[in-house]
PDB file of N, CA and C in Angstrom:
ATOM      1  N   MET A   1     -89.458 226.475  69.302  1.00  0.00           N
ATOM      2  CA  MET A   1     -88.298 227.456  68.937  1.00  0.00           C
ATOM      3  C   MET A   1     -87.887 228.310  69.964  1.00  0.00           C
ATOM      4  N   ASP A   2     -86.738 228.558  70.109  1.00  0.00           N
ATOM      5  CA  ASP A   2     -86.048 229.682  71.026  1.00  0.00           C
ATOM      6  C   ASP A   2     -85.983 231.027  70.585  1.00  0.00           C
ATOM      7  N   ILE A   3     -86.556 231.649  71.582  1.00  0.00           N
ATOM      8  CA  ILE A   3     -86.562 233.361  71.080  1.00  0.00           C
ATOM      9  C   ILE A   3     -85.528 234.133  71.658  1.00  0.00           C
ATOM     10  N   VAL A   4     -84.860 235.124  70.936  1.00  0.00           N
ATOM     11  CA  VAL A   4     -83.889 236.000  71.355  1.00  0.00           C
ATOM     12  C   VAL A   4     -84.490 237.253  70.703  1.00  0.00           C
ATOM     13  N   PHE A   5     -84.305 238.255  71.431  1.00  0.00           N
ATOM     14  CA  PHE A   5     -84.776 239.688  71.078  1.00  0.00           C
ATOM     15  C   PHE A   5     -83.727 240.349  70.756  1.00  0.00           C
ATOM     16  N   GLU A   6     -83.610 241.183  69.459  1.00  0.00           N
ATOM     17  CA  GLU A   6     -82.313 241.757  68.840  1.00  0.00           C
ATOM     18  C   GLU A   6     -82.398 243.293  69.646  1.00  0.00           C
ATOM     19  N   LYS A   7     -83.466 243.762  69.910  1.00  0.00           N
ATOM     20  CA  LYS A   7     -83.419 244.994  70.652  1.00  0.00           C
ATOM     21  C   LYS A   7     -84.085 244.979  72.178  1.00  0.00           C
ATOM     22  N   GLU A   8     -83.531 245.765  72.971  1.00  0.00           N
ATOM     23  CA  GLU A   8     -84.116 245.826  74.257  1.00  0.00           C
ATOM     24  C   GLU A   8     -85.436 245.953  74.255  1.00  0.00           C
ATOM     25  N   TYR A   9     -85.920 247.104  73.617  1.00  0.00           N
ATOM     26  CA  TYR A   9     -87.386 247.428  73.766  1.00  0.00           C
ATOM     27  C   TYR A   9     -88.359 246.234  73.382  1.00  0.00           C
ATOM     28  N   LEU A  10     -87.911 245.223  72.503  1.00  0.00           N
ATOM     29  CA  LEU A  10     -88.830 244.078  72.042  1.00  0.00           C
ATOM     30  C   LEU A  10     -88.908 243.247  73.252  1.00  0.00           C
ATOM     31  N   SER A  11     -87.781 243.050  73.936  1.00  0.00           N
ATOM     32  CA  SER A  11     -87.713 242.177  75.197  1.00  0.00           C
ATOM     33  C   SER A  11     -88.784 242.815  76.250  1.00  0.00           C
ATOM     34  N   GLU A  12     -88.388 244.143  76.506  1.00  0.00           N
ATOM     35  CA  GLU A  12     -89.421 244.427  77.421  1.00  0.00           C
ATOM     36  C   GLU A  12     -90.632 244.560  77.141  1.00  0.00           C
ATOM     37  N   LEU A  13     -91.216 244.794  75.921  1.00  0.00           N
ATOM     38  CA  LEU A  13     -92.721 244.535  75.678  1.00  0.00           C
ATOM     39  C   LEU A  13     -93.039 243.340  75.995  1.00  0.00           C
ATOM     40  N   TYR A  14     -92.399 242.347  75.602  1.00  0.00           N
ATOM     41  CA  TYR A  14     -92.835 241.017  75.721  1.00  0.00           C
ATOM     42  C   TYR A  14     -92.932 240.458  77.503  1.00  0.00           C
ATOM     43  N   TYR A  15     -91.859 240.937  78.054  1.00  0.00           N
ATOM     44  CA  TYR A  15     -91.679 240.374  79.496  1.00  0.00           C
ATOM     45  C   TYR A  15     -92.404 241.362  80.449  1.00  0.00           C
ATOM     46  N   ASN A  16     -92.358 242.778  80.165  1.00  0.00           N
ATOM     47  CA  ASN A  16     -93.117 243.783  80.931  1.00  0.00           C
ATOM     48  C   ASN A  16     -94.410 244.220  80.588  1.00  0.00           C
ATOM     49  N   GLY A  17     -94.711 244.237  79.409  1.00  0.00           N
ATOM     50  CA  GLY A  17     -95.714 244.751  78.679  1.00  0.00           C
ATOM     51  C   GLY A  17     -95.823 246.167  78.391  1.00  0.00           C
ATOM     52  N   LYS A  18     -94.496 246.818  78.487  1.00  0.00           N
ATOM     53  CA  LYS A  18     -94.401 248.180  78.416  1.00  0.00           C
ATOM     54  C   LYS A  18     -92.880 248.457  77.974  1.00  0.00           C
ATOM     55  N   THR A  19     -92.357 249.546  77.669  1.00  0.00           N
ATOM     56  CA  THR A  19     -90.944 249.799  77.170  1.00  0.00           C
ATOM     57  C   THR A  19     -90.593 251.042  77.910  1.00  0.00           C
ATOM     58  N   SER A  20     -89.159 251.143  78.270  1.00  0.00           N
ATOM     59  CA  SER A  20     -88.700 252.400  78.939  1.00  0.00           C
ATOM     60  C   SER A  20     -88.578 253.265  77.603  1.00  0.00           C
ATOM     61  N   ASP A  21     -88.199 252.849  76.463  1.00  0.00           N
ATOM     62  CA  ASP A  21     -87.965 253.552  75.199  1.00  0.00           C
ATOM     63  C   ASP A  21     -89.035 254.381  74.712  1.00  0.00           C
ATOM     64  N   LYS A  22     -89.113 255.716  75.092  1.00  0.00           N
ATOM     65  CA  LYS A  22     -90.289 256.629  74.563  1.00  0.00           C
ATOM     66  C   LYS A  22     -90.635 256.447  72.932  1.00  0.00           C
ATOM     67  N   LYS A  23     -89.843 256.149  72.358  1.00  0.00           N
ATOM     68  CA  LYS A  23     -89.982 256.035  70.790  1.00  0.00           C
ATOM     69  C   LYS A  23     -90.810 254.771  70.403  1.00  0.00           C
ATOM     70  N   HIS A  24     -90.653 253.751  71.260  1.00  0.00           N
ATOM     71  CA  HIS A  24     -91.512 252.683  70.971  1.00  0.00           C
ATOM     72  C   HIS A  24     -92.467 252.372  71.887  1.00  0.00           C
ATOM     73  N   ARG A  25     -93.666 253.124  71.842  1.00  0.00           N
ATOM     74  CA  ARG A  25     -94.799 253.025  72.692  1.00  0.00           C
ATOM     75  C   ARG A  25     -96.088 252.521  71.795  1.00  0.00           C
ATOM     76  N   PHE A  26     -96.736 251.515  72.440  1.00  0.00           N
ATOM     77  CA  PHE A  26     -97.759 250.739  71.518  1.00  0.00           C
ATOM     78  C   PHE A  26     -98.822 250.895  72.484  1.00  0.00           C
ATOM     79  N   GLN A  27    -100.275 250.696  71.853  1.00  0.00           N
ATOM     80  CA  GLN A  27    -101.296 250.461  72.470  1.00  0.00           C
ATOM     81  C   GLN A  27    -101.521 249.274  73.429  1.00  0.00           C
ATOM     82  N   PRO A  28    -102.216 248.986  74.325  1.00  0.00           N
ATOM     83  CA  PRO A  28    -102.188 247.810  75.005  1.00  0.00           C
ATOM     84  C   PRO A  28    -102.715 246.686  74.375  1.00  0.00           C
ATOM     85  N   GLY A  29    -103.713 246.970  73.512  1.00  0.00           N
ATOM     86  CA  GLY A  29    -104.057 245.916  72.347  1.00  0.00           C
ATOM     87  C   GLY A  29    -103.031 245.334  71.621  1.00  0.00           C
ATOM     88  N   ILE A  30    -102.169 246.092  71.244  1.00  0.00           N
ATOM     89  CA  ILE A  30    -100.996 245.867  70.316  1.00  0.00           C
ATOM     90  C   ILE A  30    -100.111 244.875  70.956  1.00  0.00           C
ATOM     91  N   ILE A  31     -99.794 245.506  72.294  1.00  0.00           N
ATOM     92  CA  ILE A  31     -98.859 244.588  73.195  1.00  0.00           C
ATOM     93  C   ILE A  31     -99.199 243.265  73.481  1.00  0.00           C
ATOM     94  N   LYS A  32    -100.650 243.222  73.716  1.00  0.00           N
ATOM     95  CA  LYS A  32    -101.250 241.951  74.097  1.00  0.00           C
ATOM     96  C   LYS A  32    -101.029 241.057  72.805  1.00  0.00           C
ATOM     97  N   ARG A  33    -101.357 241.479  71.721  1.00  0.00           N
ATOM     98  CA  ARG A  33    -101.301 240.496  70.495  1.00  0.00           C
ATOM     99  C   ARG A  33     -99.846 240.305  70.057  1.00  0.00           C
ATOM    100  N   TYR A  34     -98.967 241.214  70.348  1.00  0.00           N
ATOM    101  CA  TYR A  34     -97.515 240.863  70.229  1.00  0.00           C
ATOM    102  C   TYR A  34     -97.020 239.680  71.199  1.00  0.00           C
ATOM    103  N   LYS A  35     -97.384 239.725  72.386  1.00  0.00           N
ATOM    104  CA  LYS A  35     -97.158 238.863  73.229  1.00  0.00           C
ATOM    105  C   LYS A  35     -97.599 237.350  72.957  1.00  0.00           C
ATOM    106  N   LEU A  36     -98.609 237.363  72.393  1.00  0.00           N
ATOM    107  CA  LEU A  36     -99.404 236.121  71.964  1.00  0.00           C
ATOM    108  C   LEU A  36     -98.581 235.394  70.644  1.00  0.00           C
ATOM    109  N   ARG A  37     -98.297 236.481  69.717  1.00  0.00           N
ATOM    110  CA  ARG A  37     -97.484 236.099  68.528  1.00  0.00           C
ATOM    111  C   ARG A  37     -96.149 235.356  68.949  1.00  0.00           C
ATOM    112  N   ILE A  38     -95.460 236.111  70.103  1.00  0.00           N
ATOM    113  CA  ILE A  38     -94.201 235.701  70.472  1.00  0.00           C
ATOM    114  C   ILE A  38     -94.360 234.263  71.124  1.00  0.00           C
ATOM    115  N   GLU A  39     -95.490 234.267  71.832  1.00  0.00           N
ATOM    116  CA  GLU A  39     -95.612 232.773  72.338  1.00  0.00           C
ATOM    117  C   GLU A  39     -95.891 231.893  71.475  1.00  0.00           C
ATOM    118  N   ALA A  40     -96.617 232.182  70.292  1.00  0.00           N
ATOM    119  CA  ALA A  40     -96.891 231.398  69.265  1.00  0.00           C
ATOM    120  C   ALA A  40     -95.715 230.948  68.499  1.00  0.00           C
ATOM    121  N   LEU A  41     -94.667 231.742  68.340  1.00  0.00           N
ATOM    122  CA  LEU A  41     -93.282 231.387  67.757  1.00  0.00           C
ATOM    123  C   LEU A  41     -92.718 230.423  68.562  1.00  0.00           C
ATOM    124  N   GLU A  42     -92.608 230.814  69.981  1.00  0.00           N
ATOM    125  CA  GLU A  42     -92.008 229.843  70.838  1.00  0.00           C
ATOM    126  C   GLU A  42     -92.418 228.385  70.946  1.00  0.00           C
ATOM    127  N   SER A  43     -93.768 228.392  70.877  1.00  0.00           N
ATOM    128  CA  SER A  43     -94.359 226.893  70.767  1.00  0.00           C
ATOM    129  C   SER A  43     -94.475 226.247  69.517  1.00  0.00           C
ATOM    130  N   ALA A  44     -94.146 226.893  68.402  1.00  0.00           N
ATOM    131  CA  ALA A  44     -93.884 226.241  67.273  1.00  0.00           C
ATOM    132  C   ALA A  44     -92.937 225.280  67.024  1.00  0.00           C
ATOM    133  N   ASP A  45     -92.982 224.073  66.393  1.00  0.00           N
ATOM    134  CA  ASP A  45     -91.919 223.283  66.330  1.00  0.00           C
ATOM    135  C   ASP A  45     -90.939 223.540  65.318  1.00  0.00           C
ATOM    136  N   ASN A  46     -91.441 224.122  64.435  1.00  0.00           N
ATOM    137  CA  ASN A  46     -90.538 224.628  63.266  1.00  0.00           C
ATOM    138  C   ASN A  46     -91.297 225.903  62.402  1.00  0.00           C
ATOM    139  N   VAL A  47     -90.438 226.457  61.517  1.00  0.00           N
ATOM    140  CA  VAL A  47     -91.182 227.828  60.991  1.00  0.00           C
ATOM    141  C   VAL A  47     -92.222 227.446  59.931  1.00  0.00           C
ATOM    142  N   GLU A  48     -92.178 226.018  59.578  1.00  0.00           N
ATOM    143  CA  GLU A  48     -93.246 225.753  58.507  1.00  0.00           C
ATOM    144  C   GLU A  48     -94.429 225.681  59.202  1.00  0.00           C
ATOM    145  N   ASP A  49     -94.705 225.358  60.598  1.00  0.00           N
ATOM    146  CA  ASP A  49     -95.969 225.533  61.406  1.00  0.00           C
ATOM    147  C   ASP A  49     -96.552 226.830  61.149  1.00  0.00           C
ATOM    148  N   LEU A  50     -95.960 227.901  60.940  1.00  0.00           N
ATOM    149  CA  LEU A  50     -96.369 229.416  60.898  1.00  0.00           C
ATOM    150  C   LEU A  50     -97.458 229.413  59.549  1.00  0.00           C
ATOM    151  N   PHE A  51     -96.947 228.790  58.305  1.00  0.00           N
ATOM    152  CA  PHE A  51     -97.835 228.852  57.273  1.00  0.00           C
ATOM    153  C   PHE A  51     -99.257 228.211  57.643  1.00  0.00           C
ATOM    154  N   GLN A  52     -99.426 227.480  58.528  1.00  0.00           N
ATOM    155  CA  GLN A  52    -100.800 226.731  58.696  1.00  0.00           C
ATOM    156  C   GLN A  52    -101.627 227.966  59.421  1.00  0.00           C
ATOM    157  N   ILE A  53    -101.216 228.687  59.858  1.00  0.00           N
ATOM    158  CA  ILE A  53    -102.002 229.921  60.883  1.00  0.00           C
ATOM    159  C   ILE A  53    -102.351 231.075  59.922  1.00  0.00           C
ATOM    160  N   ASN A  54    -103.601 231.180  59.031  1.00  0.00           N
ATOM    161  CA  ASN A  54    -103.836 232.128  58.260  1.00  0.00           C
ATOM    162  C   ASN A  54    -103.654 233.490  58.907  1.00  0.00           C
ATOM    163  N   ALA A  55    -104.024 233.675  60.074  1.00  0.00           N
ATOM    164  CA  ALA A  55    -104.002 235.021  60.731  1.00  0.00           C
ATOM    165  C   ALA A  55    -102.627 235.643  60.915  1.00  0.00           C
ATOM    166  N   PHE A  56    -101.642 234.648  60.812  1.00  0.00           N
ATOM    167  CA  PHE A  56    -100.353 235.267  60.939  1.00  0.00           C
ATOM    168  C   PHE A  56     -99.725 236.020  59.488  1.00  0.00           C
ATOM    169  N   HIS A  57    -100.219 235.399  58.516  1.00  0.00           N
ATOM    170  CA  HIS A  57     -99.927 236.087  57.231  1.00  0.00           C
ATOM    171  C   HIS A  57     -98.293 235.998  56.968  1.00  0.00           C
ATOM    172  N   TYR A  58     -97.971 234.768  57.482  1.00  0.00           N
ATOM    173  CA  TYR A  58     -96.455 234.525  57.320  1.00  0.00           C
ATOM    174  C   TYR A  58     -95.742 234.581  56.043  1.00  0.00           C
ATOM    175  N   GLU A  59     -94.767 235.393  56.005  1.00  0.00           N
ATOM    176  CA  GLU A  59     -94.150 235.602  54.697  1.00  0.00           C
ATOM    177  C   GLU A  59     -92.528 235.678  54.863  1.00  0.00           C
ATOM    178  N   VAL A  60     -91.922 235.495  53.846  1.00  0.00           N
ATOM    179  CA  VAL A  60     -90.520 235.445  54.000  1.00  0.00           C
ATOM    180  C   VAL A  60     -90.169 236.885  52.899  1.00  0.00           C
ATOM    181  N   LEU A  61     -89.665 237.789  53.600  1.00  0.00           N
ATOM    182  CA  LEU A  61     -89.393 239.167  52.848  1.00  0.00           C
ATOM    183  C   LEU A  61     -88.216 239.068  51.889  1.00  0.00           C
ATOM    184  N   LYS A  62     -88.400 240.137  50.920  1.00  0.00           N
ATOM    185  CA  LYS A  62     -87.554 240.263  49.912  1.00  0.00           C
ATOM    186  C   LYS A  62     -86.918 241.520  49.555  1.00  0.00           C
ATOM    187  N   GLY A  63     -86.108 241.704  48.791  1.00  0.00           N
ATOM    188  CA  GLY A  63     -85.256 242.879  48.469  1.00  0.00           C
ATOM    189  C   GLY A  63     -84.344 243.196  49.438  1.00  0.00           C
ATOM    190  N   ASP A  64     -84.241 244.345  50.121  1.00  0.00           N
ATOM    191  CA  ASP A  64     -83.434 244.871  51.244  1.00  0.00           C
ATOM    192  C   ASP A  64     -83.652 244.377  52.462  1.00  0.00           C
ATOM    193  N   LYS A  65     -84.749 243.440  52.480  1.00  0.00           N
ATOM    194  CA  LYS A  65     -84.935 242.774  53.788  1.00  0.00           C
ATOM    195  C   LYS A  65     -84.853 241.205  53.559  1.00  0.00           C
ATOM    196  N   LYS A  66     -83.979 240.607  52.679  1.00  0.00           N
ATOM    197  CA  LYS A  66     -84.059 239.299  52.290  1.00  0.00           C
ATOM    198  C   LYS A  66     -83.404 238.511  53.400  1.00  0.00           C
ATOM    199  N   GLY A  67     -83.874 237.374  53.719  1.00  0.00           N
ATOM    200  CA  GLY A  67     -83.471 236.764  54.962  1.00  0.00           C
ATOM    201  C   GLY A  67     -84.236 236.877  56.211  1.00  0.00           C
ATOM    202  N   VAL A  68     -85.309 237.920  56.041  1.00  0.00           N
ATOM    203  CA  VAL A  68     -86.128 238.305  57.262  1.00  0.00           C
ATOM    204  C   VAL A  68     -87.564 237.705  56.798  1.00  0.00           C
ATOM    205  N   SER A  69     -88.176 237.151  57.878  1.00  0.00           N
ATOM    206  CA  SER A  69     -89.595 236.816  57.852  1.00  0.00           C
ATOM    207  C   SER A  69     -90.248 237.613  58.700  1.00  0.00           C
ATOM    208  N   SER A  70     -91.752 237.436  58.663  1.00  0.00           N
ATOM    209  CA  SER A  70     -92.609 238.405  59.278  1.00  0.00           C
ATOM    210  C   SER A  70     -93.884 237.661  59.185  1.00  0.00           C
ATOM    211  N   ILE A  71     -94.654 237.831  60.731  1.00  0.00           N
ATOM    212  CA  ILE A  71     -95.815 237.632  60.771  1.00  0.00           C
ATOM    213  C   ILE A  71     -96.753 238.763  61.257  1.00  0.00           C
ATOM    214  N   ARG A  72     -97.984 238.717  61.411  1.00  0.00           N
ATOM    215  CA  ARG A  72     -98.736 240.003  61.606  1.00  0.00           C
ATOM    216  C   ARG A  72     -99.091 239.931  63.049  1.00  0.00           C
ATOM    217  N   VAL A  73     -99.133 241.012  63.503  1.00  0.00           N
ATOM    218  CA  VAL A  73     -99.750 241.258  65.000  1.00  0.00           C
ATOM    219  C   VAL A  73    -101.146 241.651  64.738  1.00  0.00           C
ATOM    220  N   ASN A  74    -101.499 242.245  63.529  1.00  0.00           N
ATOM    221  CA  ASN A  74    -102.884 242.718  63.176  1.00  0.00           C
ATOM    222  C   ASN A  74    -102.720 243.315  61.834  1.00  0.00           C
ATOM    223  N   GLU A  75    -103.894 243.909  61.252  1.00  0.00           N
ATOM    224  CA  GLU A  75    -103.596 244.470  59.992  1.00  0.00           C
ATOM    225  C   GLU A  75    -102.682 245.671  59.836  1.00  0.00           C
ATOM    226  N   GLN A  76    -102.493 246.262  60.948  1.00  0.00           N
ATOM    227  CA  GLN A  76    -101.452 247.493  60.951  1.00  0.00           C
ATOM    228  C   GLN A  76    -100.129 247.198  61.422  1.00  0.00           C
ATOM    229  N   TYR A  77     -99.776 246.034  62.095  1.00  0.00           N
ATOM    230  CA  TYR A  77     -98.420 245.904  62.506  1.00  0.00           C
ATOM    231  C   TYR A  77     -98.090 244.447  62.122  1.00  0.00           C
ATOM    232  N   ARG A  78     -96.951 244.415  61.944  1.00  0.00           N
ATOM    233  CA  ARG A  78     -96.136 242.880  61.857  1.00  0.00           C
ATOM    234  C   ARG A  78     -94.687 242.868  62.617  1.00  0.00           C
ATOM    235  N   ILE A  79     -94.420 241.495  62.899  1.00  0.00           N
ATOM    236  CA  ILE A  79     -93.085 241.398  63.662  1.00  0.00           C
ATOM    237  C   ILE A  79     -92.326 240.690  62.647  1.00  0.00           C
ATOM    238  N   GLU A  80     -91.109 241.354  62.452  1.00  0.00           N
ATOM    239  CA  GLU A  80     -89.918 241.046  61.678  1.00  0.00           C
ATOM    240  C   GLU A  80     -88.942 240.088  62.554  1.00  0.00           C
ATOM    241  N   PHE A  81     -88.517 238.940  61.939  1.00  0.00           N
ATOM    242  CA  PHE A  81     -87.650 238.115  62.626  1.00  0.00           C
ATOM    243  C   PHE A  81     -86.798 237.305  61.707  1.00  0.00           C
ATOM    244  N   THR A  82     -85.439 236.791  62.124  1.00  0.00           N
ATOM    245  CA  THR A  82     -84.705 235.928  61.441  1.00  0.00           C
ATOM    246  C   THR A  82     -84.740 234.559  62.401  1.00  0.00           C
ATOM    247  N   THR A  83     -84.237 233.310  61.356  1.00  0.00           N
ATOM    248  CA  THR A  83     -84.195 232.131  62.214  1.00  0.00           C
ATOM    249  C   THR A  83     -82.922 231.537  61.717  1.00  0.00           C
ATOM    250  N   HIS A  84     -82.469 230.812  62.517  1.00  0.00           N
ATOM    251  CA  HIS A  84     -81.420 229.956  62.228  1.00  0.00           C
ATOM    252  C   HIS A  84     -81.256 228.747  62.871  1.00  0.00           C
ATOM    253  N   LYS A  85     -80.886 227.479  62.342  1.00  0.00           N
ATOM    254  CA  LYS A  85     -80.815 226.307  62.989  1.00  0.00           C
ATOM    255  C   LYS A  85     -79.507 226.112  63.744  1.00  0.00           C
ATOM    256  N   VAL A  86     -79.951 225.505  65.001  1.00  0.00           N
ATOM    257  CA  VAL A  86     -78.827 225.175  66.025  1.00  0.00           C
ATOM    258  C   VAL A  86     -78.920 223.677  66.268  1.00  0.00           C
ATOM    259  N   GLU A  87     -77.956 223.157  66.892  1.00  0.00           N
ATOM    260  CA  GLU A  87     -78.179 221.565  67.322  1.00  0.00           C
ATOM    261  C   GLU A  87     -79.432 221.371  68.045  1.00  0.00           C
ATOM    262  N   ALA A  88     -79.902 222.200  69.053  1.00  0.00           N
ATOM    263  CA  ALA A  88     -81.031 221.850  69.802  1.00  0.00           C
ATOM    264  C   ALA A  88     -82.292 222.397  69.271  1.00  0.00           C
ATOM    265  N   GLY A  89     -82.290 222.954  68.012  1.00  0.00           N
ATOM    266  CA  GLY A  89     -83.416 223.371  67.304  1.00  0.00           C
ATOM    267  C   GLY A  89     -83.311 224.632  66.389  1.00  0.00           C
ATOM    268  N   THR A  90     -84.271 225.386  66.567  1.00  0.00           N
ATOM    269  CA  THR A  90     -84.353 226.505  65.761  1.00  0.00           C
ATOM    270  C   THR A  90     -84.294 227.752  66.766  1.00  0.00           C
ATOM    271  N   VAL A  91     -83.565 228.817  66.596  1.00  0.00           N
ATOM    272  CA  VAL A  91     -83.612 230.032  67.105  1.00  0.00           C
ATOM    273  C   VAL A  91     -84.135 231.148  66.340  1.00  0.00           C
ATOM    274  N   VAL A  92     -85.100 231.967  67.032  1.00  0.00           N
ATOM    275  CA  VAL A  92     -85.789 232.942  66.152  1.00  0.00           C
ATOM    276  C   VAL A  92     -85.326 234.207  66.863  1.00  0.00           C
ATOM    277  N   THR A  93     -84.789 235.228  66.027  1.00  0.00           N
ATOM    278  CA  THR A  93     -84.368 236.562  66.602  1.00  0.00           C
ATOM    279  C   THR A  93     -85.365 237.408  66.158  1.00  0.00           C
ATOM    280  N   VAL A  94     -85.938 237.970  67.140  1.00  0.00           N
ATOM    281  CA  VAL A  94     -87.164 238.936  66.766  1.00  0.00           C
ATOM    282  C   VAL A  94     -86.474 240.384  66.619  1.00  0.00           C
ATOM    283  N   CYS A  95     -86.567 240.863  65.383  1.00  0.00           N
ATOM    284  CA  CYS A  95     -85.936 242.111  65.040  1.00  0.00           C
ATOM    285  C   CYS A  95     -86.507 243.468  65.110  1.00  0.00           C
ATOM    286  N   ASN A  96     -87.975 243.296  65.015  1.00  0.00           N
ATOM    287  CA  ASN A  96     -88.689 244.552  64.757  1.00  0.00           C
ATOM    288  C   ASN A  96     -90.203 244.500  65.059  1.00  0.00           C
ATOM    289  N   ILE A  97     -90.938 245.367  65.407  1.00  0.00           N
ATOM    290  CA  ILE A  97     -92.403 245.289  65.318  1.00  0.00           C
ATOM    291  C   ILE A  97     -92.686 246.806  64.619  1.00  0.00           C
ATOM    292  N   LEU A  98     -93.232 246.489  63.492  1.00  0.00           N
ATOM    293  CA  LEU A  98     -93.427 247.539  62.562  1.00  0.00           C
ATOM    294  C   LEU A  98     -94.771 247.974  61.996  1.00  0.00           C
ATOM    295  N   GLU A  99     -94.866 249.384  62.072  1.00  0.00           N
ATOM    296  CA  GLU A  99     -96.354 249.716  61.534  1.00  0.00           C
ATOM    297  C   GLU A  99     -96.344 249.780  60.146  1.00  0.00           C
ATOM    298  N   LEU A 100     -97.190 249.069  59.373  1.00  0.00           N
ATOM    299  CA  LEU A 100     -97.064 248.723  58.029  1.00  0.00           C
ATOM    300  C   LEU A 100     -97.313 250.022  57.193  1.00  0.00           C
ATOM    301  N   SER A 101     -98.495 250.826  57.575  1.00  0.00           N
ATOM    302  CA  SER A 101     -99.020 251.938  57.109  1.00  0.00           C
ATOM    303  C   SER A 101     -97.489 252.826  56.953  1.00  0.00           C
ATOM    304  N   ASN A 102     -96.682 253.143  57.916  1.00  0.00           N
ATOM    305  CA  ASN A 102     -95.290 253.775  57.866  1.00  0.00           C
ATOM    306  C   ASN A 102     -94.448 253.249  56.834  1.00  0.00           C
ATOM    307  N   HIS A 103     -94.423 251.952  56.920  1.00  0.00           N
ATOM    308  CA  HIS A 103     -93.465 251.019  55.862  1.00  0.00           C
ATOM    309  C   HIS A 103     -93.760 251.424  54.568  1.00  0.00           C
ATOM    310  N   TYR A 104     -95.287 251.441  54.013  1.00  0.00           N
ATOM    311  CA  TYR A 104     -95.510 251.436  52.821  1.00  0.00           C
ATOM    312  C   TYR A 104     -95.604 252.860  52.226  1.00  0.00           C
ATOM    313  N   LYS A 105     -95.207 253.731  53.044  1.00  0.00           N
ATOM    314  CA  LYS A 105     -95.310 255.244  52.563  1.00  0.00           C
ATOM    315  C   LYS A 105     -94.412 255.514  51.846  1.00  0.00           C
TER     316      LYS A 105
END
């Protein structure tokens, strides 16, 4: 699958391991796992492959996030993304890395 980043800081985290955006700073361990998850998305043949990896906790979100899917970075963070089919395959647009404890408050 092809990966596209919705926001600049998400791209910087993946390619540089850090971001210039002071609002989005993460611990090195989170960045490392974020990069591994993006690589896993990139190497998957299709979205259905993500169901097979239990550690990802792949889910299609509901409610105001309808149309958005997510996988876990760890127990505290998840990556939210959308997918759409193109002639050459599937494009994954990474939308957000979200701290779950803040999301559920």
